[in-house]
N, C-alpha and C. Protein backbone atom coordinates (compact mmCIF):
# COMPACT_ATOMS: atom_id res chain seq x y z
N MET A 1 -7.34 -28.09 21.94
CA MET A 1 -6.62 -28.17 20.67
C MET A 1 -7.38 -27.39 19.59
N ILE A 2 -6.69 -26.51 18.88
CA ILE A 2 -7.30 -25.71 17.82
C ILE A 2 -7.07 -26.39 16.48
N SER A 3 -8.15 -26.70 15.79
CA SER A 3 -8.05 -27.37 14.49
C SER A 3 -7.96 -26.33 13.38
N ILE A 4 -7.08 -26.61 12.42
CA ILE A 4 -6.77 -25.66 11.35
C ILE A 4 -7.12 -26.24 9.99
N CYS A 5 -7.76 -25.41 9.16
CA CYS A 5 -7.93 -25.69 7.74
C CYS A 5 -7.05 -24.69 7.01
N PHE A 6 -6.13 -25.19 6.18
CA PHE A 6 -5.17 -24.31 5.52
C PHE A 6 -5.45 -24.24 4.03
N ALA A 7 -5.92 -23.06 3.58
CA ALA A 7 -6.17 -22.83 2.17
C ALA A 7 -4.91 -22.30 1.52
N GLY A 8 -4.42 -23.04 0.50
CA GLY A 8 -3.14 -22.71 -0.11
C GLY A 8 -2.07 -23.66 0.37
N VAL A 9 -2.49 -24.89 0.66
CA VAL A 9 -1.61 -25.86 1.30
C VAL A 9 -0.45 -26.30 0.41
N THR A 10 -0.55 -26.06 -0.89
CA THR A 10 0.55 -26.40 -1.80
C THR A 10 1.29 -25.17 -2.29
N GLY A 11 0.99 -24.01 -1.73
CA GLY A 11 1.63 -22.77 -2.16
C GLY A 11 3.03 -22.61 -1.61
N TRP A 12 3.71 -21.53 -2.06
CA TRP A 12 5.11 -21.32 -1.65
C TRP A 12 5.25 -20.94 -0.19
N THR A 13 4.18 -20.42 0.43
CA THR A 13 4.24 -20.08 1.85
C THR A 13 3.90 -21.26 2.75
N ALA A 14 3.45 -22.35 2.16
CA ALA A 14 2.95 -23.48 2.95
C ALA A 14 4.00 -24.15 3.85
N PRO A 15 5.20 -24.48 3.38
CA PRO A 15 6.14 -25.24 4.22
C PRO A 15 6.39 -24.66 5.60
N PRO A 16 6.76 -23.36 5.74
CA PRO A 16 7.01 -22.86 7.10
C PRO A 16 5.75 -22.81 7.96
N ILE A 17 4.60 -22.55 7.33
CA ILE A 17 3.36 -22.50 8.11
C ILE A 17 2.98 -23.88 8.59
N LEU A 18 3.08 -24.86 7.72
CA LEU A 18 2.77 -26.23 8.12
C LEU A 18 3.73 -26.71 9.20
N ALA A 19 5.00 -26.33 9.10
CA ALA A 19 5.97 -26.70 10.13
C ALA A 19 5.63 -26.06 11.46
N ALA A 20 5.18 -24.81 11.43
CA ALA A 20 4.82 -24.12 12.67
C ALA A 20 3.59 -24.76 13.31
N ILE A 21 2.62 -25.14 12.49
CA ILE A 21 1.43 -25.80 13.02
C ILE A 21 1.81 -27.13 13.65
N ASP A 22 2.68 -27.87 12.97
CA ASP A 22 3.10 -29.17 13.47
C ASP A 22 3.89 -29.05 14.77
N ALA A 23 4.65 -27.96 14.90
CA ALA A 23 5.48 -27.80 16.10
C ALA A 23 4.69 -27.28 17.30
N ALA A 24 3.53 -26.69 17.05
CA ALA A 24 2.73 -26.13 18.15
C ALA A 24 1.98 -27.23 18.89
N ASP A 25 1.96 -27.14 20.20
CA ASP A 25 1.29 -28.16 21.01
C ASP A 25 -0.22 -28.01 20.99
N ASP A 26 -0.72 -26.80 20.66
CA ASP A 26 -2.16 -26.57 20.73
C ASP A 26 -2.81 -26.41 19.36
N LEU A 27 -2.08 -26.77 18.28
CA LEU A 27 -2.64 -26.67 16.94
C LEU A 27 -2.57 -28.01 16.23
N THR A 28 -3.57 -28.25 15.38
CA THR A 28 -3.55 -29.46 14.58
C THR A 28 -4.17 -29.18 13.22
N LEU A 29 -3.58 -29.69 12.17
CA LEU A 29 -4.08 -29.49 10.81
C LEU A 29 -5.09 -30.58 10.49
N THR A 30 -6.32 -30.17 10.20
CA THR A 30 -7.37 -31.14 9.90
C THR A 30 -7.65 -31.28 8.42
N SER A 31 -7.38 -30.22 7.62
CA SER A 31 -7.63 -30.30 6.18
C SER A 31 -6.87 -29.19 5.47
N GLY A 32 -6.77 -29.35 4.15
CA GLY A 32 -6.13 -28.34 3.33
C GLY A 32 -6.97 -28.04 2.11
N VAL A 33 -6.69 -26.91 1.47
CA VAL A 33 -7.43 -26.51 0.27
C VAL A 33 -6.41 -26.24 -0.84
N SER A 34 -6.58 -26.93 -1.95
CA SER A 34 -5.72 -26.73 -3.12
C SER A 34 -6.40 -27.36 -4.32
N ARG A 35 -6.62 -26.57 -5.37
CA ARG A 35 -7.27 -27.11 -6.56
C ARG A 35 -6.37 -28.12 -7.27
N SER A 36 -5.06 -27.88 -7.23
CA SER A 36 -4.15 -28.77 -7.95
C SER A 36 -3.93 -30.10 -7.24
N ALA A 37 -4.15 -30.13 -5.93
CA ALA A 37 -3.92 -31.36 -5.17
C ALA A 37 -5.20 -31.92 -4.57
N ALA A 38 -6.34 -31.44 -5.04
CA ALA A 38 -7.62 -31.92 -4.49
C ALA A 38 -7.76 -33.43 -4.65
N GLY A 39 -8.25 -34.06 -3.60
CA GLY A 39 -8.45 -35.51 -3.61
C GLY A 39 -7.29 -36.28 -3.02
N GLN A 40 -6.20 -35.62 -2.73
CA GLN A 40 -5.06 -36.28 -2.12
C GLN A 40 -5.16 -36.17 -0.60
N GLY A 41 -5.50 -37.26 0.05
CA GLY A 41 -5.65 -37.25 1.50
C GLY A 41 -6.79 -36.34 1.93
N THR A 42 -6.48 -35.39 2.81
CA THR A 42 -7.51 -34.47 3.32
C THR A 42 -7.42 -33.11 2.64
N VAL A 43 -7.02 -33.09 1.37
CA VAL A 43 -6.94 -31.85 0.60
C VAL A 43 -8.17 -31.76 -0.30
N TYR A 44 -8.83 -30.60 -0.28
CA TYR A 44 -10.08 -30.41 -1.04
C TYR A 44 -9.93 -29.23 -2.00
N ALA A 45 -10.82 -29.18 -2.96
CA ALA A 45 -10.75 -28.15 -4.00
C ALA A 45 -11.21 -26.80 -3.49
N THR A 46 -12.13 -26.77 -2.54
CA THR A 46 -12.66 -25.51 -2.01
C THR A 46 -12.69 -25.54 -0.49
N ALA A 47 -12.72 -24.35 0.08
CA ALA A 47 -12.80 -24.26 1.54
C ALA A 47 -14.12 -24.80 2.05
N ALA A 48 -15.20 -24.58 1.29
CA ALA A 48 -16.51 -25.09 1.71
C ALA A 48 -16.49 -26.61 1.82
N GLU A 49 -15.87 -27.27 0.84
CA GLU A 49 -15.78 -28.74 0.89
C GLU A 49 -14.92 -29.20 2.06
N ALA A 50 -13.80 -28.51 2.28
CA ALA A 50 -12.91 -28.91 3.35
C ALA A 50 -13.56 -28.76 4.72
N LEU A 51 -14.26 -27.66 4.93
CA LEU A 51 -14.89 -27.42 6.23
C LEU A 51 -16.08 -28.33 6.46
N ALA A 52 -16.75 -28.73 5.37
CA ALA A 52 -17.87 -29.66 5.50
C ALA A 52 -17.38 -31.06 5.85
N ALA A 53 -16.24 -31.45 5.27
CA ALA A 53 -15.71 -32.80 5.50
C ALA A 53 -14.97 -32.91 6.82
N ALA A 54 -14.27 -31.84 7.21
CA ALA A 54 -13.48 -31.87 8.44
C ALA A 54 -13.63 -30.52 9.14
N PRO A 55 -14.58 -30.40 10.04
CA PRO A 55 -14.81 -29.13 10.73
C PRO A 55 -13.52 -28.60 11.38
N ALA A 56 -13.36 -27.28 11.33
CA ALA A 56 -12.16 -26.64 11.88
C ALA A 56 -12.55 -25.42 12.69
N ASP A 57 -11.63 -25.00 13.53
CA ASP A 57 -11.85 -23.79 14.33
C ASP A 57 -11.39 -22.54 13.60
N VAL A 58 -10.33 -22.70 12.79
CA VAL A 58 -9.72 -21.56 12.11
C VAL A 58 -9.36 -21.94 10.68
N LEU A 59 -9.65 -21.01 9.75
CA LEU A 59 -9.18 -21.15 8.37
C LEU A 59 -8.02 -20.18 8.18
N ILE A 60 -6.89 -20.70 7.73
CA ILE A 60 -5.76 -19.85 7.35
C ILE A 60 -5.72 -19.79 5.83
N ASP A 61 -5.73 -18.58 5.28
CA ASP A 61 -5.77 -18.44 3.83
C ASP A 61 -4.51 -17.75 3.30
N PHE A 62 -3.76 -18.48 2.47
CA PHE A 62 -2.63 -17.93 1.71
C PHE A 62 -2.83 -18.36 0.26
N THR A 63 -3.72 -17.67 -0.42
CA THR A 63 -4.03 -18.01 -1.81
C THR A 63 -3.91 -16.76 -2.68
N SER A 64 -4.87 -16.54 -3.55
CA SER A 64 -4.93 -15.31 -4.34
C SER A 64 -6.09 -14.47 -3.83
N ALA A 65 -6.13 -13.21 -4.25
CA ALA A 65 -7.20 -12.32 -3.78
C ALA A 65 -8.57 -12.85 -4.16
N ALA A 66 -8.71 -13.35 -5.39
CA ALA A 66 -10.01 -13.86 -5.85
C ALA A 66 -10.41 -15.09 -5.06
N ALA A 67 -9.46 -16.02 -4.87
CA ALA A 67 -9.77 -17.24 -4.13
C ALA A 67 -10.03 -16.96 -2.66
N ALA A 68 -9.29 -15.99 -2.11
CA ALA A 68 -9.45 -15.67 -0.69
C ALA A 68 -10.85 -15.16 -0.39
N GLN A 69 -11.41 -14.36 -1.28
CA GLN A 69 -12.76 -13.85 -1.06
C GLN A 69 -13.76 -15.00 -0.91
N VAL A 70 -13.63 -16.00 -1.76
CA VAL A 70 -14.54 -17.16 -1.71
C VAL A 70 -14.29 -17.98 -0.45
N ASN A 71 -13.00 -18.22 -0.16
CA ASN A 71 -12.66 -19.04 1.00
C ASN A 71 -13.10 -18.40 2.31
N VAL A 72 -12.85 -17.10 2.43
CA VAL A 72 -13.18 -16.40 3.67
C VAL A 72 -14.70 -16.38 3.89
N ARG A 73 -15.45 -16.13 2.83
CA ARG A 73 -16.91 -16.13 2.97
C ARG A 73 -17.42 -17.51 3.40
N ALA A 74 -16.85 -18.55 2.80
CA ALA A 74 -17.27 -19.91 3.16
C ALA A 74 -16.98 -20.21 4.62
N ALA A 75 -15.82 -19.77 5.10
CA ALA A 75 -15.46 -20.01 6.49
C ALA A 75 -16.37 -19.25 7.44
N ILE A 76 -16.61 -17.97 7.13
CA ILE A 76 -17.47 -17.17 8.00
C ILE A 76 -18.88 -17.75 8.06
N GLU A 77 -19.39 -18.15 6.91
CA GLU A 77 -20.74 -18.74 6.89
C GLU A 77 -20.80 -20.03 7.69
N ALA A 78 -19.65 -20.73 7.81
CA ALA A 78 -19.60 -21.96 8.60
C ALA A 78 -19.28 -21.68 10.06
N GLY A 79 -19.15 -20.42 10.42
CA GLY A 79 -18.85 -20.06 11.81
C GLY A 79 -17.40 -20.30 12.19
N VAL A 80 -16.51 -20.26 11.21
CA VAL A 80 -15.09 -20.53 11.45
C VAL A 80 -14.30 -19.22 11.44
N HIS A 81 -13.41 -19.06 12.41
CA HIS A 81 -12.55 -17.89 12.46
C HIS A 81 -11.55 -17.93 11.31
N VAL A 82 -11.04 -16.75 10.92
CA VAL A 82 -10.20 -16.68 9.74
C VAL A 82 -8.94 -15.85 10.00
N VAL A 83 -7.82 -16.32 9.45
CA VAL A 83 -6.57 -15.55 9.39
C VAL A 83 -6.24 -15.39 7.91
N ILE A 84 -6.21 -14.15 7.42
CA ILE A 84 -5.96 -13.88 6.00
C ILE A 84 -4.52 -13.44 5.83
N GLY A 85 -3.73 -14.26 5.15
CA GLY A 85 -2.36 -13.88 4.84
C GLY A 85 -2.24 -13.43 3.40
N THR A 86 -3.31 -13.52 2.66
CA THR A 86 -3.33 -13.16 1.25
C THR A 86 -3.38 -11.65 1.08
N SER A 87 -2.60 -11.14 0.13
CA SER A 87 -2.63 -9.71 -0.17
C SER A 87 -3.49 -9.47 -1.40
N GLY A 88 -3.82 -8.21 -1.66
CA GLY A 88 -4.58 -7.86 -2.84
C GLY A 88 -6.05 -7.59 -2.60
N LEU A 89 -6.54 -7.85 -1.40
CA LEU A 89 -7.94 -7.55 -1.10
C LEU A 89 -8.11 -6.04 -0.94
N THR A 90 -9.23 -5.53 -1.40
CA THR A 90 -9.48 -4.09 -1.37
C THR A 90 -10.19 -3.68 -0.09
N ALA A 91 -10.30 -2.37 0.09
CA ALA A 91 -11.02 -1.84 1.25
C ALA A 91 -12.48 -2.28 1.22
N ASP A 92 -13.06 -2.34 0.04
CA ASP A 92 -14.45 -2.80 -0.08
C ASP A 92 -14.57 -4.27 0.31
N ASP A 93 -13.57 -5.07 -0.08
CA ASP A 93 -13.58 -6.49 0.30
C ASP A 93 -13.56 -6.64 1.81
N PHE A 94 -12.69 -5.88 2.46
CA PHE A 94 -12.58 -5.98 3.91
C PHE A 94 -13.83 -5.44 4.60
N ALA A 95 -14.46 -4.44 4.03
CA ALA A 95 -15.69 -3.92 4.61
C ALA A 95 -16.78 -4.99 4.57
N GLU A 96 -16.86 -5.70 3.44
CA GLU A 96 -17.85 -6.77 3.33
C GLU A 96 -17.54 -7.91 4.29
N ILE A 97 -16.25 -8.28 4.38
CA ILE A 97 -15.84 -9.35 5.29
C ILE A 97 -16.15 -8.97 6.73
N ASP A 98 -15.89 -7.71 7.07
CA ASP A 98 -16.16 -7.24 8.43
C ASP A 98 -17.64 -7.36 8.77
N GLY A 99 -18.49 -6.97 7.83
CA GLY A 99 -19.92 -7.07 8.08
C GLY A 99 -20.38 -8.51 8.26
N LEU A 100 -19.88 -9.41 7.41
CA LEU A 100 -20.25 -10.82 7.52
C LEU A 100 -19.75 -11.42 8.83
N ALA A 101 -18.52 -11.07 9.21
CA ALA A 101 -17.95 -11.62 10.45
C ALA A 101 -18.72 -11.15 11.67
N ARG A 102 -19.12 -9.90 11.67
CA ARG A 102 -19.89 -9.39 12.81
C ARG A 102 -21.26 -10.07 12.90
N ASP A 103 -21.86 -10.29 11.74
CA ASP A 103 -23.18 -10.96 11.74
C ASP A 103 -23.08 -12.39 12.28
N ARG A 104 -21.98 -13.07 11.96
CA ARG A 104 -21.82 -14.47 12.37
C ARG A 104 -21.11 -14.61 13.70
N GLY A 105 -20.56 -13.51 14.22
CA GLY A 105 -19.87 -13.55 15.51
C GLY A 105 -18.55 -14.29 15.48
N VAL A 106 -17.81 -14.17 14.37
CA VAL A 106 -16.49 -14.83 14.28
C VAL A 106 -15.41 -13.76 14.12
N GLY A 107 -14.19 -14.16 14.43
CA GLY A 107 -13.07 -13.23 14.33
C GLY A 107 -12.31 -13.40 13.03
N VAL A 108 -11.82 -12.28 12.51
CA VAL A 108 -11.02 -12.29 11.29
C VAL A 108 -9.78 -11.43 11.50
N ILE A 109 -8.61 -11.99 11.22
CA ILE A 109 -7.36 -11.25 11.27
C ILE A 109 -6.82 -11.15 9.85
N ALA A 110 -6.59 -9.93 9.37
CA ALA A 110 -6.03 -9.72 8.04
C ALA A 110 -4.57 -9.30 8.20
N ALA A 111 -3.66 -10.12 7.69
CA ALA A 111 -2.23 -9.85 7.82
C ALA A 111 -1.55 -10.04 6.47
N GLY A 112 -2.13 -9.47 5.42
CA GLY A 112 -1.56 -9.58 4.09
C GLY A 112 -0.22 -8.89 4.00
N ASN A 113 0.65 -9.40 3.12
CA ASN A 113 1.98 -8.85 2.89
C ASN A 113 2.87 -8.93 4.12
N PHE A 114 2.59 -9.81 5.01
CA PHE A 114 3.43 -9.94 6.19
C PHE A 114 4.70 -10.68 5.81
N SER A 115 5.83 -10.09 6.11
CA SER A 115 7.11 -10.70 5.79
C SER A 115 8.17 -10.12 6.70
N VAL A 116 9.34 -10.71 6.68
CA VAL A 116 10.44 -10.19 7.48
C VAL A 116 10.79 -8.78 7.04
N MET A 117 10.83 -8.55 5.72
CA MET A 117 11.16 -7.22 5.21
C MET A 117 10.12 -6.18 5.64
N ALA A 118 8.83 -6.56 5.59
CA ALA A 118 7.79 -5.63 6.01
C ALA A 118 7.95 -5.28 7.48
N ALA A 119 8.30 -6.27 8.30
CA ALA A 119 8.50 -6.03 9.72
C ALA A 119 9.71 -5.12 9.96
N VAL A 120 10.78 -5.35 9.18
CA VAL A 120 11.98 -4.52 9.32
C VAL A 120 11.69 -3.07 8.94
N LEU A 121 10.97 -2.87 7.83
CA LEU A 121 10.65 -1.51 7.38
C LEU A 121 9.76 -0.79 8.39
N ARG A 122 8.81 -1.53 8.97
CA ARG A 122 7.93 -0.91 9.95
C ARG A 122 8.72 -0.48 11.19
N ARG A 123 9.64 -1.35 11.61
CA ARG A 123 10.46 -1.03 12.77
C ARG A 123 11.37 0.16 12.47
N ALA A 124 11.93 0.21 11.25
CA ALA A 124 12.80 1.31 10.87
C ALA A 124 12.03 2.63 10.86
N ALA A 125 10.79 2.60 10.37
CA ALA A 125 9.98 3.81 10.36
C ALA A 125 9.69 4.29 11.78
N THR A 126 9.44 3.35 12.68
CA THR A 126 9.19 3.71 14.08
C THR A 126 10.42 4.34 14.71
N MET A 127 11.60 3.77 14.43
CA MET A 127 12.84 4.32 14.97
C MET A 127 13.11 5.71 14.41
N ALA A 128 12.85 5.90 13.12
CA ALA A 128 13.07 7.21 12.51
C ALA A 128 12.16 8.26 13.12
N ALA A 129 10.92 7.87 13.40
CA ALA A 129 9.96 8.81 13.97
C ALA A 129 10.41 9.31 15.34
N ASP A 130 11.16 8.48 16.08
CA ASP A 130 11.64 8.90 17.40
C ASP A 130 12.67 10.02 17.31
N HIS A 131 13.28 10.19 16.13
CA HIS A 131 14.34 11.19 15.98
C HIS A 131 13.89 12.39 15.17
N ILE A 132 12.66 12.42 14.75
CA ILE A 132 12.12 13.54 13.98
C ILE A 132 11.13 14.27 14.87
N GLY A 133 11.48 15.47 15.25
CA GLY A 133 10.63 16.22 16.16
C GLY A 133 9.52 16.96 15.45
N ALA A 134 8.48 17.26 16.18
CA ALA A 134 7.39 18.06 15.63
C ALA A 134 7.76 19.53 15.67
N GLY A 135 6.97 20.35 15.01
CA GLY A 135 7.20 21.79 14.97
C GLY A 135 6.88 22.44 16.30
N PRO A 136 7.02 23.76 16.39
CA PRO A 136 6.82 24.47 17.66
C PRO A 136 5.41 24.34 18.20
N ARG A 137 4.44 24.12 17.32
CA ARG A 137 3.06 23.98 17.77
C ARG A 137 2.61 22.51 17.72
N GLY A 138 3.58 21.59 17.71
CA GLY A 138 3.25 20.18 17.70
C GLY A 138 2.80 19.67 16.35
N ILE A 139 3.11 20.44 15.29
CA ILE A 139 2.69 20.06 13.94
C ILE A 139 3.86 19.40 13.24
N TRP A 140 3.64 18.22 12.69
CA TRP A 140 4.68 17.53 11.97
C TRP A 140 4.83 18.15 10.59
N PRO A 141 6.07 18.42 10.16
CA PRO A 141 6.27 19.04 8.83
C PRO A 141 5.86 18.09 7.73
N ARG A 142 5.27 18.63 6.70
CA ARG A 142 4.92 17.83 5.53
C ARG A 142 4.97 18.73 4.29
N PRO A 143 5.22 18.13 3.14
CA PRO A 143 5.31 18.95 1.92
C PRO A 143 3.98 19.62 1.63
N SER A 144 4.04 20.84 1.11
CA SER A 144 2.82 21.50 0.69
C SER A 144 2.32 20.86 -0.58
N ALA A 145 1.07 21.13 -0.91
CA ALA A 145 0.50 20.56 -2.13
C ALA A 145 1.29 21.00 -3.35
N ARG A 146 1.81 22.24 -3.29
CA ARG A 146 2.54 22.77 -4.44
C ARG A 146 3.91 22.12 -4.57
N SER A 147 4.62 21.99 -3.41
CA SER A 147 5.95 21.41 -3.48
C SER A 147 5.90 19.93 -3.77
N ALA A 148 4.78 19.28 -3.43
CA ALA A 148 4.66 17.86 -3.71
C ALA A 148 4.36 17.61 -5.18
N SER A 149 3.77 18.60 -5.85
CA SER A 149 3.37 18.39 -7.24
C SER A 149 4.54 18.55 -8.20
N ARG A 150 5.51 19.42 -7.89
CA ARG A 150 6.65 19.60 -8.77
C ARG A 150 7.80 20.21 -7.97
N PRO A 151 9.04 19.96 -8.35
CA PRO A 151 10.17 20.54 -7.61
C PRO A 151 10.24 22.04 -7.82
N ALA A 152 10.91 22.69 -6.89
CA ALA A 152 11.10 24.14 -7.02
C ALA A 152 11.95 24.43 -8.24
N PRO A 153 11.66 25.52 -8.97
CA PRO A 153 12.43 25.83 -10.17
C PRO A 153 13.86 26.22 -9.85
N PHE A 154 14.74 26.01 -10.80
CA PHE A 154 16.14 26.37 -10.64
C PHE A 154 16.30 27.89 -10.64
N ARG A 155 17.14 28.40 -9.77
CA ARG A 155 17.41 29.84 -9.72
C ARG A 155 18.91 30.06 -9.92
N SER A 156 19.26 31.03 -10.71
CA SER A 156 20.66 31.36 -10.95
C SER A 156 20.95 32.76 -10.45
N PRO A 157 22.05 32.94 -9.71
CA PRO A 157 22.38 34.28 -9.22
C PRO A 157 22.95 35.17 -10.30
N THR A 158 23.22 34.64 -11.50
CA THR A 158 23.91 35.43 -12.52
C THR A 158 23.02 35.86 -13.66
N TRP A 159 21.71 35.64 -13.54
CA TRP A 159 20.86 35.99 -14.67
C TRP A 159 20.66 37.49 -14.75
N ARG A 160 20.37 37.97 -15.93
CA ARG A 160 19.98 39.35 -16.11
C ARG A 160 18.78 39.38 -17.04
N ALA A 161 17.99 40.38 -16.93
CA ALA A 161 16.81 40.50 -17.77
C ALA A 161 17.15 41.23 -19.05
N ARG A 162 16.64 40.77 -20.13
CA ARG A 162 16.79 41.47 -21.41
C ARG A 162 15.40 41.84 -21.89
N SER A 163 15.07 43.09 -21.78
CA SER A 163 13.72 43.51 -22.10
C SER A 163 13.57 43.63 -23.62
N ARG A 164 12.47 43.14 -24.12
CA ARG A 164 12.14 43.30 -25.52
C ARG A 164 10.63 43.27 -25.65
N ARG A 165 10.13 43.74 -26.74
CA ARG A 165 8.69 43.79 -26.93
C ARG A 165 8.15 42.37 -27.14
N ALA A 166 7.10 42.06 -26.46
CA ALA A 166 6.52 40.73 -26.58
C ALA A 166 5.79 40.60 -27.91
N ALA A 167 5.87 39.43 -28.50
CA ALA A 167 5.17 39.18 -29.75
C ALA A 167 3.68 39.10 -29.48
N PRO A 168 2.86 39.52 -30.43
CA PRO A 168 1.40 39.46 -30.22
C PRO A 168 0.95 38.05 -29.84
N GLY A 169 0.17 37.95 -28.80
CA GLY A 169 -0.37 36.66 -28.37
C GLY A 169 0.57 35.86 -27.49
N SER A 170 1.76 36.38 -27.19
CA SER A 170 2.70 35.63 -26.36
C SER A 170 2.36 35.84 -24.90
N ALA A 171 2.98 34.99 -24.03
CA ALA A 171 2.68 35.05 -22.60
C ALA A 171 3.29 36.26 -21.94
N GLY A 172 4.30 36.86 -22.54
CA GLY A 172 4.93 38.01 -21.90
C GLY A 172 6.33 38.20 -22.43
N PRO A 173 7.09 39.13 -21.86
CA PRO A 173 8.44 39.40 -22.34
C PRO A 173 9.36 38.21 -22.12
N GLY A 174 10.36 38.06 -22.98
CA GLY A 174 11.29 36.94 -22.86
C GLY A 174 12.52 37.36 -22.07
N PHE A 175 13.14 36.41 -21.39
CA PHE A 175 14.31 36.68 -20.57
C PHE A 175 15.31 35.56 -20.76
N THR A 176 16.58 35.88 -20.66
CA THR A 176 17.64 34.88 -20.77
C THR A 176 18.64 35.08 -19.67
N ARG A 177 19.32 33.98 -19.30
CA ARG A 177 20.44 34.08 -18.37
C ARG A 177 21.69 34.48 -19.14
N CYS A 178 22.65 35.08 -18.43
CA CYS A 178 23.91 35.44 -19.07
C CYS A 178 24.59 34.17 -19.58
N GLY A 179 24.88 34.12 -20.86
CA GLY A 179 25.60 33.00 -21.43
C GLY A 179 24.79 31.73 -21.51
N CYS A 180 23.49 31.80 -21.35
CA CYS A 180 22.66 30.59 -21.38
C CYS A 180 21.46 30.85 -22.26
N PRO A 181 21.17 29.96 -23.19
CA PRO A 181 20.03 30.17 -24.09
C PRO A 181 18.69 29.80 -23.49
N ALA A 182 18.69 29.33 -22.25
CA ALA A 182 17.42 28.91 -21.65
C ALA A 182 16.46 30.08 -21.56
N SER A 183 15.20 29.84 -21.78
CA SER A 183 14.20 30.91 -21.75
C SER A 183 13.73 31.15 -20.32
N TRP A 184 13.41 32.40 -20.06
CA TRP A 184 12.88 32.77 -18.76
C TRP A 184 11.58 33.51 -18.98
N SER A 185 10.61 33.24 -18.14
CA SER A 185 9.32 33.91 -18.25
C SER A 185 8.92 34.44 -16.89
N ALA A 186 8.05 35.40 -16.89
CA ALA A 186 7.60 36.01 -15.64
C ALA A 186 6.10 35.98 -15.56
N PRO A 187 5.54 36.00 -14.33
CA PRO A 187 4.09 36.13 -14.18
C PRO A 187 3.62 37.44 -14.79
N ARG A 188 2.41 37.46 -15.29
CA ARG A 188 1.89 38.66 -15.94
C ARG A 188 1.77 39.83 -14.98
N SER A 189 1.67 39.52 -13.67
CA SER A 189 1.50 40.58 -12.69
C SER A 189 2.82 41.28 -12.38
N SER A 190 3.95 40.70 -12.81
CA SER A 190 5.25 41.29 -12.52
C SER A 190 5.66 42.21 -13.65
N SER A 191 6.57 43.11 -13.35
CA SER A 191 7.08 44.02 -14.38
C SER A 191 8.45 43.56 -14.82
N PRO A 192 8.81 43.74 -16.12
CA PRO A 192 10.12 43.31 -16.60
C PRO A 192 11.24 44.00 -15.87
N GLY A 193 12.31 43.24 -15.63
CA GLY A 193 13.50 43.83 -15.06
C GLY A 193 13.60 43.72 -13.56
N ARG A 194 12.57 43.23 -12.88
CA ARG A 194 12.67 43.10 -11.43
C ARG A 194 13.63 41.98 -11.08
N GLY A 195 14.41 42.19 -10.04
CA GLY A 195 15.40 41.19 -9.66
C GLY A 195 14.83 40.04 -8.87
N SER A 196 13.63 40.15 -8.41
CA SER A 196 13.01 39.05 -7.67
C SER A 196 11.70 38.71 -8.32
N GLY A 197 11.31 37.49 -8.17
CA GLY A 197 10.03 37.05 -8.71
C GLY A 197 10.15 36.36 -10.04
N TRP A 198 11.36 36.37 -10.65
CA TRP A 198 11.52 35.69 -11.93
C TRP A 198 12.00 34.26 -11.66
N SER A 199 11.55 33.36 -12.48
CA SER A 199 11.95 31.96 -12.28
C SER A 199 12.09 31.26 -13.61
N CYS A 200 12.81 30.14 -13.58
CA CYS A 200 13.02 29.36 -14.79
C CYS A 200 11.73 28.66 -15.16
N GLY A 201 11.35 28.71 -16.40
CA GLY A 201 10.12 28.07 -16.82
C GLY A 201 9.03 29.07 -17.06
N THR A 202 7.81 28.64 -16.94
CA THR A 202 6.69 29.51 -17.27
C THR A 202 5.85 29.87 -16.06
N THR A 203 6.22 29.44 -14.86
CA THR A 203 5.44 29.74 -13.68
C THR A 203 6.32 30.37 -12.62
N ARG A 204 5.71 31.08 -11.74
CA ARG A 204 6.44 31.75 -10.68
C ARG A 204 6.72 30.77 -9.54
N ALA A 205 7.92 30.84 -8.93
CA ALA A 205 8.29 29.94 -7.85
C ALA A 205 7.50 30.26 -6.60
């Protein structure tokens, strides 16, 4: 029989988890952790107090990121395995937890943000990947750094260049589309009047 200490026993995720523990033949709840319900039965204010009063094999944590850090460390130091359902822990937090768990020889499972929707989205992504082929050299297409930073500029097939002398200190000659007051600019390396290389805005496409 695996004994469970549940941190977050009065939280919104508690009812289905407690029901699952109760329905399992090989699990038993020995204590809970909740600051608001501490002192009621086998509920304690901290994981350290709960594990000292009622030893457990596994601590399940569904609390806050700050509370989870304290609870997980207390469990690891007590030689208790941990299942983390709490989200918000950082990569540095997990690195520290990993080091502590390895030193104490206990297992830790981190399953933050686990939900039906998360499972559905993960499955949908897997299904989509089956229908998206790689390139000819086995390279998956991805946006370039430039295309990811801003959308491609608008191009009009009806624009014409209107050459005029640039004002002192300006970026270059001005251009307009036929019937449109929008300004057009060209790279300094281009010459006015070329039909290609001009783009809307101040940068070259």
